[in-house]
Amino acid sequence: MKIVNLFGKKLQKLRKNRELSQESFAEISGLHRTYISSLERGDRNPTLTTLFSISKALNITISSLLEGIENE
């Protein structure tokens, strides 16, 4: 599985564990809902700025956000 797909699955899991819809997560993170959807599907590769916004919205570090993601 590609690293962007692994990241997308982890992002979706973290979001759902907090019981956030894509819409509410979009508001919290300052990102667009369709962009979040694209990230979760593995269609988009997040920038460093996006990783920062996501980690801040989830109240975790960027390293925690990326922890366990490996390129297979």
PDB file of N, CA and C in Angstrom:
ATOM      1  N   MET A   1       0.850  -1.184   0.000  1.00  0.00           N
ATOM      2  CA  MET A   1       0.000   0.000   0.000  1.00  0.00           C
ATOM      3  C   MET A   1       0.892   1.242   0.000  1.00  0.00           C
ATOM      4  N   LYS A   2       0.490   2.242  -0.750  1.00  0.00           N
ATOM      5  CA  LYS A   2       1.269   3.475  -0.834  1.00  0.00           C
ATOM      6  C   LYS A   2       1.163   4.266   0.467  1.00  0.00           C
ATOM      7  N   ILE A   3       2.192   5.054   0.720  1.00  0.00           N
ATOM      8  CA  ILE A   3       2.246   5.832   1.961  1.00  0.00           C
ATOM      9  C   ILE A   3       1.085   6.830   2.069  1.00  0.00           C
ATOM     10  N   VAL A   4       0.638   7.399   0.953  1.00  0.00           N
ATOM     11  CA  VAL A   4      -0.490   8.340   1.014  1.00  0.00           C
ATOM     12  C   VAL A   4      -1.778   7.627   1.414  1.00  0.00           C
ATOM     13  N   ASN A   5      -1.919   6.361   1.005  1.00  0.00           N
ATOM     14  CA  ASN A   5      -3.093   5.583   1.407  1.00  0.00           C
ATOM     15  C   ASN A   5      -3.032   5.238   2.895  1.00  0.00           C
ATOM     16  N   LEU A   6      -1.843   4.893   3.378  1.00  0.00           N
ATOM     17  CA  LEU A   6      -1.675   4.599   4.802  1.00  0.00           C
ATOM     18  C   LEU A   6      -1.963   5.839   5.647  1.00  0.00           C
ATOM     19  N   PHE A   7      -1.470   6.983   5.175  1.00  0.00           N
ATOM     20  CA  PHE A   7      -1.741   8.231   5.886  1.00  0.00           C
ATOM     21  C   PHE A   7      -3.242   8.507   5.904  1.00  0.00           C
ATOM     22  N   GLY A   8      -3.902   8.324   4.777  1.00  0.00           N
ATOM     23  CA  GLY A   8      -5.332   8.567   4.683  1.00  0.00           C
ATOM     24  C   GLY A   8      -6.139   7.706   5.636  1.00  0.00           C
ATOM     25  N   LYS A   9      -5.768   6.439   5.735  1.00  0.00           N
ATOM     26  CA  LYS A   9      -6.462   5.532   6.653  1.00  0.00           C
ATOM     27  C   LYS A   9      -6.255   5.953   8.100  1.00  0.00           C
ATOM     28  N   LYS A  10      -5.030   6.386   8.422  1.00  0.00           N
ATOM     29  CA  LYS A  10      -4.764   6.826   9.790  1.00  0.00           C
ATOM     30  C   LYS A  10      -5.526   8.112  10.099  1.00  0.00           C
ATOM     31  N   LEU A  11      -5.539   9.042   9.170  1.00  0.00           N
ATOM     32  CA  LEU A  11      -6.271  10.291   9.365  1.00  0.00           C
ATOM     33  C   LEU A  11      -7.751  10.012   9.605  1.00  0.00           C
ATOM     34  N   GLN A  12      -8.328   9.157   8.785  1.00  0.00           N
ATOM     35  CA  GLN A  12      -9.742   8.827   8.935  1.00  0.00           C
ATOM     36  C   GLN A  12     -10.009   8.173  10.298  1.00  0.00           C
ATOM     37  N   LYS A  13      -9.138   7.274  10.715  1.00  0.00           N
ATOM     38  CA  LYS A  13      -9.298   6.611  12.010  1.00  0.00           C
ATOM     39  C   LYS A  13      -9.233   7.618  13.155  1.00  0.00           C
ATOM     40  N   LEU A  14      -8.246   8.514  13.111  1.00  0.00           N
ATOM     41  CA  LEU A  14      -8.106   9.527  14.160  1.00  0.00           C
ATOM     42  C   LEU A  14      -9.323  10.452  14.203  1.00  0.00           C
ATOM     43  N   ARG A  15      -9.807  10.833  13.039  1.00  0.00           N
ATOM     44  CA  ARG A  15     -10.981  11.718  12.965  1.00  0.00           C
ATOM     45  C   ARG A  15     -12.213  11.017  13.521  1.00  0.00           C
ATOM     46  N   LYS A  16     -12.425   9.788  13.097  1.00  0.00           N
ATOM     47  CA  LYS A  16     -13.607   9.047  13.545  1.00  0.00           C
ATOM     48  C   LYS A  16     -13.535   8.707  15.038  1.00  0.00           C
ATOM     49  N   ASN A  17     -12.332   8.437  15.550  1.00  0.00           N
ATOM     50  CA  ASN A  17     -12.178   8.167  16.982  1.00  0.00           C
ATOM     51  C   ASN A  17     -12.605   9.361  17.824  1.00  0.00           C
ATOM     52  N   ARG A  18     -12.529  10.543  17.246  1.00  0.00           N
ATOM     53  CA  ARG A  18     -12.952  11.761  17.938  1.00  0.00           C
ATOM     54  C   ARG A  18     -14.407  12.125  17.605  1.00  0.00           C
ATOM     55  N   GLU A  19     -15.045  11.202  16.866  1.00  0.00           N
ATOM     56  CA  GLU A  19     -16.447  11.375  16.464  1.00  0.00           C
ATOM     57  C   GLU A  19     -16.680  12.683  15.707  1.00  0.00           C
ATOM     58  N   LEU A  20     -15.751  12.972  14.803  1.00  0.00           N
ATOM     59  CA  LEU A  20     -15.849  14.179  13.981  1.00  0.00           C
ATOM     60  C   LEU A  20     -16.239  13.793  12.558  1.00  0.00           C
ATOM     61  N   SER A  21     -17.181  14.509  12.003  1.00  0.00           N
ATOM     62  CA  SER A  21     -17.493  14.350  10.577  1.00  0.00           C
ATOM     63  C   SER A  21     -16.410  15.076   9.786  1.00  0.00           C
ATOM     64  N   GLN A  22     -16.371  14.816   8.494  1.00  0.00           N
ATOM     65  CA  GLN A  22     -15.422  15.549   7.658  1.00  0.00           C
ATOM     66  C   GLN A  22     -15.734  17.033   7.690  1.00  0.00           C
ATOM     67  N   GLU A  23     -17.001  17.381   7.751  1.00  0.00           N
ATOM     68  CA  GLU A  23     -17.399  18.786   7.777  1.00  0.00           C
ATOM     69  C   GLU A  23     -16.907  19.478   9.049  1.00  0.00           C
ATOM     70  N   SER A  24     -17.126  18.838  10.199  1.00  0.00           N
ATOM     71  CA  SER A  24     -16.697  19.470  11.454  1.00  0.00           C
ATOM     72  C   SER A  24     -15.177  19.499  11.553  1.00  0.00           C
ATOM     73  N   PHE A  25     -14.514  18.451  11.046  1.00  0.00           N
ATOM     74  CA  PHE A  25     -13.051  18.448  11.050  1.00  0.00           C
ATOM     75  C   PHE A  25     -12.511  19.538  10.131  1.00  0.00           C
ATOM     76  N   ALA A  26     -13.187  19.761   9.026  1.00  0.00           N
ATOM     77  CA  ALA A  26     -12.785  20.825   8.100  1.00  0.00           C
ATOM     78  C   ALA A  26     -12.829  22.182   8.792  1.00  0.00           C
ATOM     79  N   GLU A  27     -13.884  22.420   9.556  1.00  0.00           N
ATOM     80  CA  GLU A  27     -13.991  23.690  10.289  1.00  0.00           C
ATOM     81  C   GLU A  27     -12.868  23.849  11.301  1.00  0.00           C
ATOM     82  N   ILE A  28     -12.604  22.791  12.047  1.00  0.00           N
ATOM     83  CA  ILE A  28     -11.577  22.844  13.097  1.00  0.00           C
ATOM     84  C   ILE A  28     -10.187  23.030  12.500  1.00  0.00           C
ATOM     85  N   SER A  29      -9.917  22.331  11.411  1.00  0.00           N
ATOM     86  CA  SER A  29      -8.571  22.344  10.828  1.00  0.00           C
ATOM     87  C   SER A  29      -8.328  23.506   9.874  1.00  0.00           C
ATOM     88  N   GLY A  30      -9.401  24.119   9.392  1.00  0.00           N
ATOM     89  CA  GLY A  30      -9.244  25.191   8.416  1.00  0.00           C
ATOM     90  C   GLY A  30      -9.019  24.678   7.001  1.00  0.00           C
ATOM     91  N   LEU A  31      -9.256  23.392   6.789  1.00  0.00           N
ATOM     92  CA  LEU A  31      -9.107  22.782   5.472  1.00  0.00           C
ATOM     93  C   LEU A  31     -10.488  22.570   4.872  1.00  0.00           C
ATOM     94  N   HIS A  32     -10.546  22.378   3.570  1.00  0.00           N
ATOM     95  CA  HIS A  32     -11.827  22.158   2.906  1.00  0.00           C
ATOM     96  C   HIS A  32     -12.241  20.692   3.054  1.00  0.00           C
ATOM     97  N   ARG A  33     -13.529  20.439   3.187  1.00  0.00           N
ATOM     98  CA  ARG A  33     -14.031  19.075   3.371  1.00  0.00           C
ATOM     99  C   ARG A  33     -13.624  18.156   2.226  1.00  0.00           C
ATOM    100  N   THR A  34     -13.671  18.652   0.993  1.00  0.00           N
ATOM    101  CA  THR A  34     -13.311  17.801  -0.138  1.00  0.00           C
ATOM    102  C   THR A  34     -11.821  17.462  -0.128  1.00  0.00           C
ATOM    103  N   TYR A  35     -10.997  18.363   0.390  1.00  0.00           N
ATOM    104  CA  TYR A  35      -9.562  18.091   0.507  1.00  0.00           C
ATOM    105  C   TYR A  35      -9.325  17.006   1.556  1.00  0.00           C
ATOM    106  N   ILE A  36     -10.034  17.072   2.671  1.00  0.00           N
ATOM    107  CA  ILE A  36      -9.918  16.046   3.706  1.00  0.00           C
ATOM    108  C   ILE A  36     -10.336  14.694   3.144  1.00  0.00           C
ATOM    109  N   SER A  37     -11.417  14.690   2.400  1.00  0.00           N
ATOM    110  CA  SER A  37     -11.885  13.464   1.756  1.00  0.00           C
ATOM    111  C   SER A  37     -10.813  12.905   0.817  1.00  0.00           C
ATOM    112  N   SER A  38     -10.190  13.770   0.037  1.00  0.00           N
ATOM    113  CA  SER A  38      -9.119  13.345  -0.881  1.00  0.00           C
ATOM    114  C   SER A  38      -7.919  12.784  -0.125  1.00  0.00           C
ATOM    115  N   LEU A  39      -7.586  13.400   0.997  1.00  0.00           N
ATOM    116  CA  LEU A  39      -6.485  12.892   1.822  1.00  0.00           C
ATOM    117  C   LEU A  39      -6.820  11.510   2.364  1.00  0.00           C
ATOM    118  N   GLU A  40      -8.029  11.348   2.869  1.00  0.00           N
ATOM    119  CA  GLU A  40      -8.431  10.076   3.456  1.00  0.00           C
ATOM    120  C   GLU A  40      -8.488   8.956   2.417  1.00  0.00           C
ATOM    121  N   ARG A  41      -8.788   9.276   1.178  1.00  0.00           N
ATOM    122  CA  ARG A  41      -8.802   8.279   0.101  1.00  0.00           C
ATOM    123  C   ARG A  41      -7.405   8.000  -0.440  1.00  0.00           C
ATOM    124  N   GLY A  42      -6.438   8.827  -0.066  1.00  0.00           N
ATOM    125  CA  GLY A  42      -5.082   8.656  -0.586  1.00  0.00           C
ATOM    126  C   GLY A  42      -4.891   9.277  -1.948  1.00  0.00           C
ATOM    127  N   ASP A  43      -5.795  10.162  -2.336  1.00  0.00           N
ATOM    128  CA  ASP A  43      -5.705  10.823  -3.643  1.00  0.00           C
ATOM    129  C   ASP A  43      -4.780  12.035  -3.631  1.00  0.00           C
ATOM    130  N   ARG A  44      -4.532  12.594  -2.445  1.00  0.00           N
ATOM    131  CA  ARG A  44      -3.700  13.798  -2.331  1.00  0.00           C
ATOM    132  C   ARG A  44      -2.559  13.535  -1.357  1.00  0.00           C
ATOM    133  N   ASN A  45      -1.453  14.210  -1.582  1.00  0.00           N
ATOM    134  CA  ASN A  45      -0.281  14.118  -0.727  1.00  0.00           C
ATOM    135  C   ASN A  45      -0.221  15.392   0.116  1.00  0.00           C
ATOM    136  N   PRO A  46      -0.319  15.278   1.445  1.00  0.00           N
ATOM    137  CA  PRO A  46      -0.373  16.488   2.274  1.00  0.00           C
ATOM    138  C   PRO A  46       0.961  17.229   2.322  1.00  0.00           C
ATOM    139  N   THR A  47       0.874  18.540   2.382  1.00  0.00           N
ATOM    140  CA  THR A  47       2.064  19.371   2.542  1.00  0.00           C
ATOM    141  C   THR A  47       2.400  19.453   4.031  1.00  0.00           C
ATOM    142  N   LEU A  48       3.546  19.994   4.346  1.00  0.00           N
ATOM    143  CA  LEU A  48       3.938  20.195   5.733  1.00  0.00           C
ATOM    144  C   LEU A  48       2.944  21.118   6.441  1.00  0.00           C
ATOM    145  N   THR A  49       2.494  22.141   5.751  1.00  0.00           N
ATOM    146  CA  THR A  49       1.505  23.064   6.314  1.00  0.00           C
ATOM    147  C   THR A  49       0.204  22.322   6.642  1.00  0.00           C
ATOM    148  N   THR A  50      -0.216  21.435   5.757  1.00  0.00           N
ATOM    149  CA  THR A  50      -1.422  20.643   5.987  1.00  0.00           C
ATOM    150  C   THR A  50      -1.237  19.713   7.181  1.00  0.00           C
ATOM    151  N   LEU A  51      -0.073  19.060   7.268  1.00  0.00           N
ATOM    152  CA  LEU A  51       0.206  18.184   8.408  1.00  0.00           C
ATOM    153  C   LEU A  51       0.139  18.965   9.717  1.00  0.00           C
ATOM    154  N   PHE A  52       0.658  20.171   9.705  1.00  0.00           N
ATOM    155  CA  PHE A  52       0.606  21.019  10.898  1.00  0.00           C
ATOM    156  C   PHE A  52      -0.842  21.343  11.263  1.00  0.00           C
ATOM    157  N   SER A  53      -1.645  21.727  10.287  1.00  0.00           N
ATOM    158  CA  SER A  53      -3.050  22.059  10.532  1.00  0.00           C
ATOM    159  C   SER A  53      -3.821  20.859  11.077  1.00  0.00           C
ATOM    160  N   ILE A  54      -3.575  19.696  10.510  1.00  0.00           N
ATOM    161  CA  ILE A  54      -4.260  18.480  10.949  1.00  0.00           C
ATOM    162  C   ILE A  54      -3.843  18.109  12.366  1.00  0.00           C
ATOM    163  N   SER A  55      -2.548  18.134  12.633  1.00  0.00           N
ATOM    164  CA  SER A  55      -2.077  17.759  13.970  1.00  0.00           C
ATOM    165  C   SER A  55      -2.585  18.737  15.028  1.00  0.00           C
ATOM    166  N   LYS A  56      -2.632  20.004  14.687  1.00  0.00           N
ATOM    167  CA  LYS A  56      -3.148  21.007  15.623  1.00  0.00           C
ATOM    168  C   LYS A  56      -4.634  20.777  15.883  1.00  0.00           C
ATOM    169  N   ALA A  57      -5.397  20.482  14.853  1.00  0.00           N
ATOM    170  CA  ALA A  57      -6.835  20.230  14.999  1.00  0.00           C
ATOM    171  C   ALA A  57      -7.114  18.981  15.832  1.00  0.00           C
ATOM    172  N   LEU A  58      -6.232  17.980  15.721  1.00  0.00           N
ATOM    173  CA  LEU A  58      -6.399  16.739  16.477  1.00  0.00           C
ATOM    174  C   LEU A  58      -5.732  16.805  17.853  1.00  0.00           C
ATOM    175  N   ASN A  59      -5.026  17.901  18.092  1.00  0.00           N
ATOM    176  CA  ASN A  59      -4.313  18.107  19.351  1.00  0.00           C
ATOM    177  C   ASN A  59      -3.258  17.021  19.598  1.00  0.00           C
ATOM    178  N   ILE A  60      -2.520  16.704  18.532  1.00  0.00           N
ATOM    179  CA  ILE A  60      -1.417  15.750  18.615  1.00  0.00           C
ATOM    180  C   ILE A  60      -0.214  16.345  17.876  1.00  0.00           C
ATOM    181  N   THR A  61       0.942  15.747  18.066  1.00  0.00           N
ATOM    182  CA  THR A  61       2.134  16.207  17.356  1.00  0.00           C
ATOM    183  C   THR A  61       2.134  15.651  15.927  1.00  0.00           C
ATOM    184  N   ILE A  62       2.900  16.284  15.071  1.00  0.00           N
ATOM    185  CA  ILE A  62       3.044  15.776  13.706  1.00  0.00           C
ATOM    186  C   ILE A  62       3.668  14.382  13.747  1.00  0.00           C
ATOM    187  N   SER A  63       4.625  14.166  14.644  1.00  0.00           N
ATOM    188  CA  SER A  63       5.252  12.844  14.725  1.00  0.00           C
ATOM    189  C   SER A  63       4.239  11.782  15.145  1.00  0.00           C
ATOM    190  N   SER A  64       3.304  12.127  16.035  1.00  0.00           N
ATOM    191  CA  SER A  64       2.243  11.182  16.408  1.00  0.00           C
ATOM    192  C   SER A  64       1.318  10.912  15.229  1.00  0.00           C
ATOM    193  N   LEU A  65       1.056  11.940  14.453  1.00  0.00           N
ATOM    194  CA  LEU A  65       0.208  11.797  13.275  1.00  0.00           C
ATOM    195  C   LEU A  65       0.836  10.830  12.266  1.00  0.00           C
ATOM    196  N   LEU A  66       2.145  10.872  12.142  1.00  0.00           N
ATOM    197  CA  LEU A  66       2.839  10.042  11.163  1.00  0.00           C
ATOM    198  C   LEU A  66       3.335   8.711  11.733  1.00  0.00           C
ATOM    199  N   GLU A  67       3.235   8.544  13.029  1.00  0.00           N
ATOM    200  CA  GLU A  67       3.727   7.335  13.686  1.00  0.00           C
ATOM    201  C   GLU A  67       3.037   6.083  13.129  1.00  0.00           C
ATOM    202  N   GLY A  68       3.848   5.091  12.812  1.00  0.00           N
ATOM    203  CA  GLY A  68       3.329   3.822  12.322  1.00  0.00           C
ATOM    204  C   GLY A  68       3.083   3.779  10.829  1.00  0.00           C
ATOM    205  N   ILE A  69       3.289   4.883  10.149  1.00  0.00           N
ATOM    206  CA  ILE A  69       3.098   4.912   8.696  1.00  0.00           C
ATOM    207  C   ILE A  69       4.439   4.595   8.042  1.00  0.00           C
ATOM    208  N   GLU A  70       4.432   3.530   7.265  1.00  0.00           N
ATOM    209  CA  GLU A  70       5.655   3.125   6.577  1.00  0.00           C
ATOM    210  C   GLU A  70       5.342   2.885   5.117  1.00  0.00           C
ATOM    211  N   ASN A  71       6.309   3.119   4.278  1.00  0.00           N
ATOM    212  CA  ASN A  71       6.145   2.864   2.853  1.00  0.00           C
ATOM    213  C   ASN A  71       6.442   1.394   2.597  1.00  0.00           C
ATOM    214  N   GLU A  72       5.417   0.659   2.226  1.00  0.00           N
ATOM    215  CA  GLU A  72       5.578  -0.791   2.002  1.00  0.00           C
ATOM    216  C   GLU A  72       5.978  -1.071   0.572  1.00  0.00           C
TER     217      GLU A  72
END
